[in-house]
Amino acid sequence: MSQSPSKSPSAPSAAVPAAHAERLFLPWWLWLAGFAAATMLAVEVWMGAPGVRAWLPFVVLLPGALAAMLWLGRIRVSVRDGELWVDDARLPARFVADVIPLDAAGRREALGVGADPLAFVVQRPWVAGAVQVVLDDPADPTPFWVVSTRHPVELAEALLAARDAAR
């Protein structure tokens, strides 16, 4: 039987900031499309030739497609240890002024014509949601971050909780 953290005798009296972690994997239909494209290209290169040309395109292109799709889905977004981590970029929560959850239309607007060229952007087109993290650091020319996430509200809440805990 599990105990809730608030009833545990060893639980700290202060509230622990909400944590968030996700990986921006490719959806199943992009995996299917990637393997279909690699297979069609391998068949075109093969074109019924005997010998090495019969199997080499498949041995090279299918693992290459797998590696490319794994690489595209490598981005991790998390809030931990008082920082926002996006792949290998880190933003201390104390520099966060505000976090705005964005749906697909809001993301399009934030990255559209009126976007700031100094903004830090990690955008994945297969992820509809995003957050805009407005910065409060006079030493940094970056006005805000726009980060793709499948759970924009949860990420915003976790980052704001980490900011409040850091202050």
N, C-alpha and C. Protein backbone atom coordinates (compact mmCIF):
# COMPACT_ATOMS: atom_id res chain seq x y z
N MET A 1 0.85 -1.17 0.00
CA MET A 1 0.00 0.00 0.00
C MET A 1 0.89 1.24 0.00
N SER A 2 0.59 2.17 -0.87
CA SER A 2 1.44 3.35 -0.97
C SER A 2 0.86 4.49 -0.14
N GLN A 3 1.76 5.30 0.36
CA GLN A 3 1.35 6.47 1.13
C GLN A 3 1.45 7.69 0.24
N SER A 4 0.62 8.67 0.48
CA SER A 4 0.76 9.92 -0.24
C SER A 4 1.95 10.67 0.35
N PRO A 5 2.63 11.48 -0.46
CA PRO A 5 3.81 12.19 0.04
C PRO A 5 3.51 13.11 1.21
N SER A 6 2.31 13.67 1.28
CA SER A 6 2.03 14.61 2.37
C SER A 6 1.84 13.90 3.70
N LYS A 7 1.51 12.60 3.69
CA LYS A 7 1.30 11.87 4.94
C LYS A 7 2.55 11.14 5.40
N SER A 8 3.56 11.13 4.58
CA SER A 8 4.80 10.45 4.94
C SER A 8 5.52 11.24 6.03
N PRO A 9 6.03 10.55 7.06
CA PRO A 9 6.70 11.28 8.13
C PRO A 9 8.00 11.94 7.67
N SER A 10 8.61 11.46 6.59
CA SER A 10 9.87 12.04 6.13
C SER A 10 9.66 13.09 5.05
N ALA A 11 8.42 13.43 4.72
CA ALA A 11 8.15 14.41 3.67
C ALA A 11 8.52 15.80 4.15
N PRO A 12 9.14 16.61 3.28
CA PRO A 12 9.48 17.97 3.68
C PRO A 12 8.23 18.81 3.86
N SER A 13 8.34 19.83 4.70
CA SER A 13 7.18 20.68 4.96
C SER A 13 6.89 21.60 3.79
N ALA A 14 7.90 22.00 3.04
CA ALA A 14 7.68 22.88 1.89
C ALA A 14 7.22 22.05 0.71
N ALA A 15 6.40 22.64 -0.13
CA ALA A 15 5.91 21.94 -1.31
C ALA A 15 7.04 21.78 -2.32
N VAL A 16 7.12 20.59 -2.90
CA VAL A 16 8.14 20.31 -3.92
C VAL A 16 7.61 20.82 -5.25
N PRO A 17 8.40 21.59 -6.00
CA PRO A 17 7.92 22.10 -7.28
C PRO A 17 7.58 20.96 -8.23
N ALA A 18 6.55 21.20 -9.03
CA ALA A 18 6.13 20.19 -10.00
C ALA A 18 7.24 19.96 -11.01
N ALA A 19 7.46 18.71 -11.35
CA ALA A 19 8.48 18.36 -12.34
C ALA A 19 7.79 17.99 -13.64
N HIS A 20 8.49 18.15 -14.72
CA HIS A 20 7.95 17.82 -16.04
C HIS A 20 9.07 17.20 -16.85
N ALA A 21 8.75 16.15 -17.58
CA ALA A 21 9.73 15.52 -18.47
C ALA A 21 8.99 14.86 -19.62
N GLU A 22 9.49 15.08 -20.81
CA GLU A 22 8.93 14.43 -21.99
C GLU A 22 9.98 14.37 -23.09
N ARG A 23 9.76 13.47 -24.01
CA ARG A 23 10.63 13.35 -25.18
C ARG A 23 9.76 13.55 -26.40
N LEU A 24 10.23 14.33 -27.35
CA LEU A 24 9.43 14.70 -28.52
C LEU A 24 9.61 13.67 -29.64
N PHE A 25 9.15 12.44 -29.37
CA PHE A 25 9.22 11.37 -30.35
C PHE A 25 8.42 11.70 -31.60
N LEU A 26 8.78 11.06 -32.70
CA LEU A 26 7.99 11.16 -33.91
C LEU A 26 6.72 10.33 -33.74
N PRO A 27 5.60 10.78 -34.32
CA PRO A 27 4.39 9.96 -34.27
C PRO A 27 4.52 8.74 -35.17
N TRP A 28 3.68 7.76 -34.95
CA TRP A 28 3.77 6.49 -35.67
C TRP A 28 3.68 6.68 -37.18
N TRP A 29 2.87 7.62 -37.65
CA TRP A 29 2.67 7.78 -39.08
C TRP A 29 3.93 8.34 -39.76
N LEU A 30 4.76 9.10 -39.04
CA LEU A 30 6.03 9.55 -39.62
C LEU A 30 7.05 8.41 -39.69
N TRP A 31 7.00 7.50 -38.71
CA TRP A 31 7.85 6.32 -38.80
C TRP A 31 7.46 5.50 -40.03
N LEU A 32 6.17 5.30 -40.22
CA LEU A 32 5.68 4.54 -41.37
C LEU A 32 6.09 5.21 -42.67
N ALA A 33 5.91 6.52 -42.75
CA ALA A 33 6.28 7.25 -43.97
C ALA A 33 7.79 7.20 -44.22
N GLY A 34 8.58 7.31 -43.16
CA GLY A 34 10.04 7.26 -43.32
C GLY A 34 10.52 5.92 -43.84
N PHE A 35 9.99 4.84 -43.26
CA PHE A 35 10.39 3.51 -43.74
C PHE A 35 9.87 3.23 -45.14
N ALA A 36 8.67 3.72 -45.45
CA ALA A 36 8.13 3.55 -46.80
C ALA A 36 9.00 4.29 -47.82
N ALA A 37 9.40 5.50 -47.50
CA ALA A 37 10.26 6.26 -48.43
C ALA A 37 11.62 5.58 -48.60
N ALA A 38 12.21 5.10 -47.52
CA ALA A 38 13.51 4.42 -47.62
C ALA A 38 13.38 3.14 -48.42
N THR A 39 12.29 2.40 -48.23
CA THR A 39 12.09 1.16 -48.99
C THR A 39 11.90 1.46 -50.47
N MET A 40 11.10 2.48 -50.81
CA MET A 40 10.90 2.82 -52.22
C MET A 40 12.21 3.26 -52.88
N LEU A 41 13.02 4.03 -52.15
CA LEU A 41 14.31 4.46 -52.69
C LEU A 41 15.24 3.26 -52.88
N ALA A 42 15.24 2.33 -51.93
CA ALA A 42 16.06 1.13 -52.07
C ALA A 42 15.62 0.29 -53.25
N VAL A 43 14.32 0.17 -53.48
CA VAL A 43 13.82 -0.59 -54.63
C VAL A 43 14.22 0.09 -55.93
N GLU A 44 14.18 1.42 -55.96
CA GLU A 44 14.59 2.15 -57.16
C GLU A 44 16.07 1.95 -57.46
N VAL A 45 16.89 1.94 -56.44
CA VAL A 45 18.33 1.73 -56.65
C VAL A 45 18.59 0.28 -57.06
N TRP A 46 17.85 -0.64 -56.46
CA TRP A 46 18.04 -2.06 -56.77
C TRP A 46 17.63 -2.36 -58.20
N MET A 47 16.40 -2.06 -58.57
CA MET A 47 15.83 -2.26 -59.90
C MET A 47 16.19 -3.61 -60.52
N GLY A 48 16.18 -4.66 -59.71
CA GLY A 48 16.35 -6.01 -60.21
C GLY A 48 17.78 -6.42 -60.53
N ALA A 49 18.74 -5.62 -60.14
CA ALA A 49 20.13 -5.95 -60.42
C ALA A 49 20.59 -7.11 -59.54
N PRO A 50 21.48 -7.95 -60.06
CA PRO A 50 21.97 -9.08 -59.26
C PRO A 50 23.16 -8.67 -58.39
N GLY A 51 23.55 -9.55 -57.52
CA GLY A 51 24.76 -9.35 -56.72
C GLY A 51 24.56 -8.36 -55.59
N VAL A 52 25.61 -7.56 -55.36
CA VAL A 52 25.61 -6.61 -54.25
C VAL A 52 24.50 -5.57 -54.40
N ARG A 53 24.21 -5.17 -55.62
CA ARG A 53 23.15 -4.16 -55.83
C ARG A 53 21.78 -4.68 -55.44
N ALA A 54 21.65 -5.98 -55.23
CA ALA A 54 20.36 -6.53 -54.83
C ALA A 54 20.07 -6.27 -53.35
N TRP A 55 21.05 -6.29 -52.49
CA TRP A 55 20.80 -6.14 -51.06
C TRP A 55 21.42 -4.90 -50.44
N LEU A 56 22.45 -4.32 -51.06
CA LEU A 56 23.14 -3.18 -50.48
C LEU A 56 22.23 -1.96 -50.24
N PRO A 57 21.34 -1.60 -51.18
CA PRO A 57 20.48 -0.44 -50.90
C PRO A 57 19.60 -0.62 -49.66
N PHE A 58 19.12 -1.83 -49.45
CA PHE A 58 18.28 -2.09 -48.28
C PHE A 58 19.09 -2.06 -46.99
N VAL A 59 20.31 -2.59 -47.03
CA VAL A 59 21.18 -2.62 -45.85
C VAL A 59 21.62 -1.22 -45.46
N VAL A 60 21.76 -0.34 -46.43
CA VAL A 60 22.21 1.03 -46.14
C VAL A 60 21.03 1.96 -45.81
N LEU A 61 19.99 1.93 -46.64
CA LEU A 61 18.92 2.91 -46.51
C LEU A 61 17.96 2.65 -45.35
N LEU A 62 17.61 1.42 -45.06
CA LEU A 62 16.67 1.17 -43.97
C LEU A 62 17.28 1.50 -42.60
N PRO A 63 18.51 1.05 -42.28
CA PRO A 63 19.10 1.51 -41.01
C PRO A 63 19.35 3.02 -40.99
N GLY A 64 19.66 3.59 -42.17
CA GLY A 64 19.84 5.04 -42.24
C GLY A 64 18.56 5.78 -41.91
N ALA A 65 17.43 5.27 -42.40
CA ALA A 65 16.13 5.87 -42.09
C ALA A 65 15.83 5.73 -40.60
N LEU A 66 16.14 4.57 -40.03
CA LEU A 66 15.93 4.36 -38.60
C LEU A 66 16.76 5.35 -37.78
N ALA A 67 18.03 5.50 -38.14
CA ALA A 67 18.91 6.44 -37.42
C ALA A 67 18.39 7.88 -37.55
N ALA A 68 17.95 8.26 -38.74
CA ALA A 68 17.45 9.62 -38.95
C ALA A 68 16.19 9.88 -38.11
N MET A 69 15.30 8.92 -38.05
CA MET A 69 14.06 9.12 -37.28
C MET A 69 14.32 9.12 -35.78
N LEU A 70 15.26 8.30 -35.33
CA LEU A 70 15.65 8.34 -33.91
C LEU A 70 16.29 9.69 -33.57
N TRP A 71 17.11 10.21 -34.48
CA TRP A 71 17.76 11.50 -34.26
C TRP A 71 16.72 12.63 -34.21
N LEU A 72 15.72 12.58 -35.09
CA LEU A 72 14.68 13.61 -35.09
C LEU A 72 13.85 13.60 -33.81
N GLY A 73 13.69 12.44 -33.19
CA GLY A 73 12.90 12.34 -31.98
C GLY A 73 13.74 12.37 -30.70
N ARG A 74 14.95 12.88 -30.76
CA ARG A 74 15.87 12.83 -29.62
C ARG A 74 15.62 13.93 -28.59
N ILE A 75 14.94 14.99 -28.93
CA ILE A 75 14.80 16.16 -28.07
C ILE A 75 14.01 15.81 -26.81
N ARG A 76 14.61 16.14 -25.67
CA ARG A 76 13.96 15.97 -24.37
C ARG A 76 13.69 17.36 -23.79
N VAL A 77 12.52 17.52 -23.22
CA VAL A 77 12.13 18.77 -22.56
C VAL A 77 11.80 18.41 -21.12
N SER A 78 12.46 19.08 -20.18
CA SER A 78 12.19 18.77 -18.77
C SER A 78 12.42 19.99 -17.90
N VAL A 79 11.78 19.97 -16.74
CA VAL A 79 12.02 20.95 -15.69
C VAL A 79 12.52 20.15 -14.50
N ARG A 80 13.78 20.38 -14.14
CA ARG A 80 14.36 19.67 -13.00
C ARG A 80 15.49 20.50 -12.42
N ASP A 81 15.69 20.35 -11.15
CA ASP A 81 16.76 21.05 -10.43
C ASP A 81 16.70 22.56 -10.62
N GLY A 82 15.48 23.10 -10.73
CA GLY A 82 15.32 24.54 -10.86
C GLY A 82 15.70 25.09 -12.23
N GLU A 83 15.69 24.24 -13.25
CA GLU A 83 16.06 24.67 -14.60
C GLU A 83 15.14 24.04 -15.64
N LEU A 84 14.97 24.77 -16.74
CA LEU A 84 14.31 24.23 -17.92
C LEU A 84 15.40 23.65 -18.80
N TRP A 85 15.30 22.38 -19.11
CA TRP A 85 16.25 21.70 -20.00
C TRP A 85 15.54 21.42 -21.32
N VAL A 86 16.14 21.87 -22.41
CA VAL A 86 15.65 21.56 -23.74
C VAL A 86 16.84 21.01 -24.51
N ASP A 87 16.86 19.69 -24.68
CA ASP A 87 18.01 18.99 -25.23
C ASP A 87 19.21 19.29 -24.35
N ASP A 88 20.22 20.00 -24.83
CA ASP A 88 21.36 20.32 -23.98
C ASP A 88 21.38 21.79 -23.54
N ALA A 89 20.35 22.54 -23.89
CA ALA A 89 20.25 23.94 -23.45
C ALA A 89 19.55 23.98 -22.10
N ARG A 90 20.05 24.87 -21.22
CA ARG A 90 19.48 25.00 -19.88
C ARG A 90 19.14 26.46 -19.61
N LEU A 91 18.00 26.64 -18.96
CA LEU A 91 17.56 27.97 -18.56
C LEU A 91 17.22 27.94 -17.08
N PRO A 92 18.00 28.62 -16.23
CA PRO A 92 17.64 28.67 -14.81
C PRO A 92 16.28 29.34 -14.63
N ALA A 93 15.47 28.75 -13.77
CA ALA A 93 14.09 29.24 -13.58
C ALA A 93 14.05 30.64 -13.00
N ARG A 94 15.10 31.09 -12.34
CA ARG A 94 15.08 32.43 -11.74
C ARG A 94 15.03 33.53 -12.81
N PHE A 95 15.37 33.21 -14.07
CA PHE A 95 15.34 34.19 -15.15
C PHE A 95 14.03 34.18 -15.92
N VAL A 96 13.06 33.41 -15.48
CA VAL A 96 11.77 33.31 -16.16
C VAL A 96 10.84 34.40 -15.64
N ALA A 97 10.37 35.25 -16.54
CA ALA A 97 9.40 36.28 -16.18
C ALA A 97 7.98 35.74 -16.29
N ASP A 98 7.70 35.00 -17.35
CA ASP A 98 6.36 34.45 -17.57
C ASP A 98 6.46 33.27 -18.52
N VAL A 99 5.48 32.40 -18.45
CA VAL A 99 5.39 31.25 -19.34
C VAL A 99 3.99 31.23 -19.93
N ILE A 100 3.90 31.20 -21.25
CA ILE A 100 2.62 31.25 -21.94
C ILE A 100 2.42 29.94 -22.69
N PRO A 101 1.43 29.13 -22.31
CA PRO A 101 1.14 27.93 -23.10
C PRO A 101 0.54 28.32 -24.44
N LEU A 102 0.98 27.66 -25.51
CA LEU A 102 0.52 27.98 -26.85
C LEU A 102 -0.09 26.75 -27.51
N ASP A 103 -1.22 26.96 -28.18
CA ASP A 103 -1.75 25.89 -29.02
C ASP A 103 -1.13 26.06 -30.41
N ALA A 104 -1.62 25.31 -31.40
CA ALA A 104 -1.02 25.37 -32.73
C ALA A 104 -1.11 26.78 -33.33
N ALA A 105 -2.24 27.45 -33.15
CA ALA A 105 -2.39 28.81 -33.70
C ALA A 105 -1.48 29.79 -32.96
N GLY A 106 -1.37 29.66 -31.66
CA GLY A 106 -0.48 30.54 -30.89
C GLY A 106 0.97 30.33 -31.24
N ARG A 107 1.35 29.08 -31.47
CA ARG A 107 2.74 28.79 -31.88
C ARG A 107 3.03 29.40 -33.24
N ARG A 108 2.07 29.28 -34.15
CA ARG A 108 2.23 29.85 -35.49
C ARG A 108 2.41 31.36 -35.40
N GLU A 109 1.64 31.99 -34.52
CA GLU A 109 1.75 33.45 -34.34
C GLU A 109 3.10 33.83 -33.71
N ALA A 110 3.54 33.06 -32.71
CA ALA A 110 4.80 33.37 -32.04
C ALA A 110 6.01 33.18 -32.95
N LEU A 111 5.89 32.27 -33.91
CA LEU A 111 6.99 32.00 -34.83
C LEU A 111 6.79 32.61 -36.20
N GLY A 112 5.73 33.40 -36.36
CA GLY A 112 5.39 33.97 -37.65
C GLY A 112 6.16 35.23 -37.98
N VAL A 113 5.51 36.09 -38.73
CA VAL A 113 6.13 37.31 -39.24
C VAL A 113 6.63 38.22 -38.12
N GLY A 114 5.91 38.30 -37.04
CA GLY A 114 6.28 39.19 -35.94
C GLY A 114 7.27 38.59 -34.96
N ALA A 115 7.84 37.43 -35.27
CA ALA A 115 8.76 36.77 -34.33
C ALA A 115 10.06 37.56 -34.20
N ASP A 116 10.66 37.44 -33.04
CA ASP A 116 11.94 38.10 -32.79
C ASP A 116 13.07 37.20 -33.27
N PRO A 117 13.99 37.71 -34.10
CA PRO A 117 15.08 36.86 -34.60
C PRO A 117 16.07 36.43 -33.53
N LEU A 118 16.05 37.04 -32.36
CA LEU A 118 16.95 36.66 -31.28
C LEU A 118 16.36 35.60 -30.36
N ALA A 119 15.12 35.19 -30.62
CA ALA A 119 14.47 34.20 -29.77
C ALA A 119 15.13 32.84 -29.93
N PHE A 120 15.14 32.07 -28.85
CA PHE A 120 15.64 30.70 -28.88
C PHE A 120 14.44 29.80 -29.18
N VAL A 121 14.53 29.04 -30.27
CA VAL A 121 13.40 28.24 -30.72
C VAL A 121 13.81 26.79 -30.90
N VAL A 122 13.06 25.90 -30.28
CA VAL A 122 13.18 24.46 -30.53
C VAL A 122 11.77 24.02 -30.89
N GLN A 123 11.54 23.90 -32.19
CA GLN A 123 10.21 23.63 -32.70
C GLN A 123 10.22 22.34 -33.48
N ARG A 124 9.24 21.50 -33.22
CA ARG A 124 9.05 20.26 -33.95
C ARG A 124 7.68 20.33 -34.61
N PRO A 125 7.62 20.24 -35.95
CA PRO A 125 6.34 20.43 -36.65
C PRO A 125 5.29 19.38 -36.33
N TRP A 126 5.70 18.22 -35.85
CA TRP A 126 4.72 17.18 -35.54
C TRP A 126 4.14 17.32 -34.13
N VAL A 127 4.58 18.32 -33.38
CA VAL A 127 4.06 18.59 -32.04
C VAL A 127 3.25 19.88 -32.12
N ALA A 128 1.96 19.80 -31.84
CA ALA A 128 1.08 20.97 -32.02
C ALA A 128 1.29 22.05 -30.97
N GLY A 129 1.53 21.68 -29.74
CA GLY A 129 1.63 22.66 -28.67
C GLY A 129 3.03 23.19 -28.47
N ALA A 130 3.12 24.26 -27.69
CA ALA A 130 4.42 24.87 -27.37
C ALA A 130 4.22 25.77 -26.15
N VAL A 131 5.32 26.23 -25.62
CA VAL A 131 5.29 27.27 -24.59
C VAL A 131 6.21 28.40 -25.02
N GLN A 132 5.83 29.60 -24.65
CA GLN A 132 6.69 30.76 -24.85
C GLN A 132 7.15 31.19 -23.46
N VAL A 133 8.45 31.12 -23.26
CA VAL A 133 9.05 31.46 -21.96
C VAL A 133 9.67 32.85 -22.10
N VAL A 134 9.06 33.82 -21.46
CA VAL A 134 9.54 35.20 -21.50
C VAL A 134 10.63 35.34 -20.45
N LEU A 135 11.79 35.91 -20.85
CA LEU A 135 12.94 35.99 -19.96
C LEU A 135 13.04 37.35 -19.28
N ASP A 136 13.65 37.31 -18.10
CA ASP A 136 13.90 38.51 -17.31
C ASP A 136 15.38 38.50 -16.92
N ASP A 137 16.24 38.67 -17.93
CA ASP A 137 17.69 38.67 -17.71
C ASP A 137 18.28 39.80 -18.55
N PRO A 138 18.64 40.92 -17.92
CA PRO A 138 19.16 42.05 -18.68
C PRO A 138 20.48 41.75 -19.40
N ALA A 139 21.22 40.75 -18.95
CA ALA A 139 22.49 40.42 -19.59
C ALA A 139 22.33 39.53 -20.81
N ASP A 140 21.13 39.01 -21.04
CA ASP A 140 20.89 38.09 -22.15
C ASP A 140 20.08 38.80 -23.23
N PRO A 141 20.55 38.82 -24.49
CA PRO A 141 19.79 39.48 -25.55
C PRO A 141 18.58 38.66 -26.01
N THR A 142 18.49 37.41 -25.57
CA THR A 142 17.36 36.57 -25.97
C THR A 142 16.10 37.00 -25.23
N PRO A 143 15.06 37.45 -25.97
CA PRO A 143 13.86 37.93 -25.29
C PRO A 143 12.96 36.81 -24.75
N PHE A 144 12.94 35.69 -25.46
CA PHE A 144 12.08 34.58 -25.03
C PHE A 144 12.52 33.29 -25.71
N TRP A 145 12.03 32.19 -25.15
CA TRP A 145 12.21 30.86 -25.73
C TRP A 145 10.85 30.39 -26.21
N VAL A 146 10.83 29.69 -27.35
CA VAL A 146 9.63 28.98 -27.80
C VAL A 146 10.03 27.52 -27.93
N VAL A 147 9.36 26.67 -27.16
CA VAL A 147 9.72 25.26 -27.08
C VAL A 147 8.49 24.40 -27.36
N SER A 148 8.61 23.47 -28.29
CA SER A 148 7.52 22.54 -28.57
C SER A 148 7.32 21.61 -27.38
N THR A 149 6.07 21.30 -27.11
CA THR A 149 5.72 20.36 -26.05
C THR A 149 4.32 19.82 -26.32
N ARG A 150 4.12 18.58 -25.97
CA ARG A 150 2.79 17.99 -26.11
C ARG A 150 1.88 18.38 -24.94
N HIS A 151 2.46 18.90 -23.88
CA HIS A 151 1.70 19.26 -22.68
C HIS A 151 2.06 20.69 -22.26
N PRO A 152 1.61 21.71 -23.02
CA PRO A 152 2.03 23.08 -22.72
C PRO A 152 1.59 23.60 -21.35
N VAL A 153 0.40 23.26 -20.92
CA VAL A 153 -0.08 23.77 -19.63
C VAL A 153 0.74 23.15 -18.49
N GLU A 154 0.99 21.85 -18.56
CA GLU A 154 1.76 21.18 -17.51
C GLU A 154 3.19 21.70 -17.45
N LEU A 155 3.80 21.92 -18.62
CA LEU A 155 5.16 22.46 -18.65
C LEU A 155 5.19 23.87 -18.08
N ALA A 156 4.21 24.68 -18.44
CA ALA A 156 4.15 26.06 -17.91
C ALA A 156 3.99 26.05 -16.40
N GLU A 157 3.12 25.19 -15.88
CA GLU A 157 2.93 25.11 -14.43
C GLU A 157 4.20 24.65 -13.72
N ALA A 158 4.88 23.66 -14.30
CA ALA A 158 6.10 23.16 -13.67
C ALA A 158 7.19 24.22 -13.67
N LEU A 159 7.31 24.96 -14.77
CA LEU A 159 8.35 25.99 -14.85
C LEU A 159 8.04 27.17 -13.92
N LEU A 160 6.78 27.54 -13.83
CA LEU A 160 6.42 28.62 -12.91
C LEU A 160 6.61 28.20 -11.46
N ALA A 161 6.32 26.94 -11.15
CA ALA A 161 6.56 26.44 -9.79
C ALA A 161 8.05 26.43 -9.47
N ALA A 162 8.88 26.04 -10.45
CA ALA A 162 10.33 26.06 -10.24
C ALA A 162 10.83 27.48 -10.07
N ARG A 163 10.26 28.42 -10.82
CA ARG A 163 10.65 29.83 -10.68
C ARG A 163 10.29 30.35 -9.30
N ASP A 164 9.08 30.04 -8.86
CA ASP A 164 8.64 30.51 -7.53
C ASP A 164 9.49 29.89 -6.42
N ALA A 165 9.89 28.65 -6.59
CA ALA A 165 10.73 27.98 -5.59
C ALA A 165 12.13 28.58 -5.58
N ALA A 166 12.61 29.05 -6.74
CA ALA A 166 13.95 29.62 -6.83
C ALA A 166 14.01 31.02 -6.23
N ARG A 167 12.89 31.69 -6.18
CA ARG A 167 12.86 33.07 -5.67
C ARG A 167 12.64 33.10 -4.23
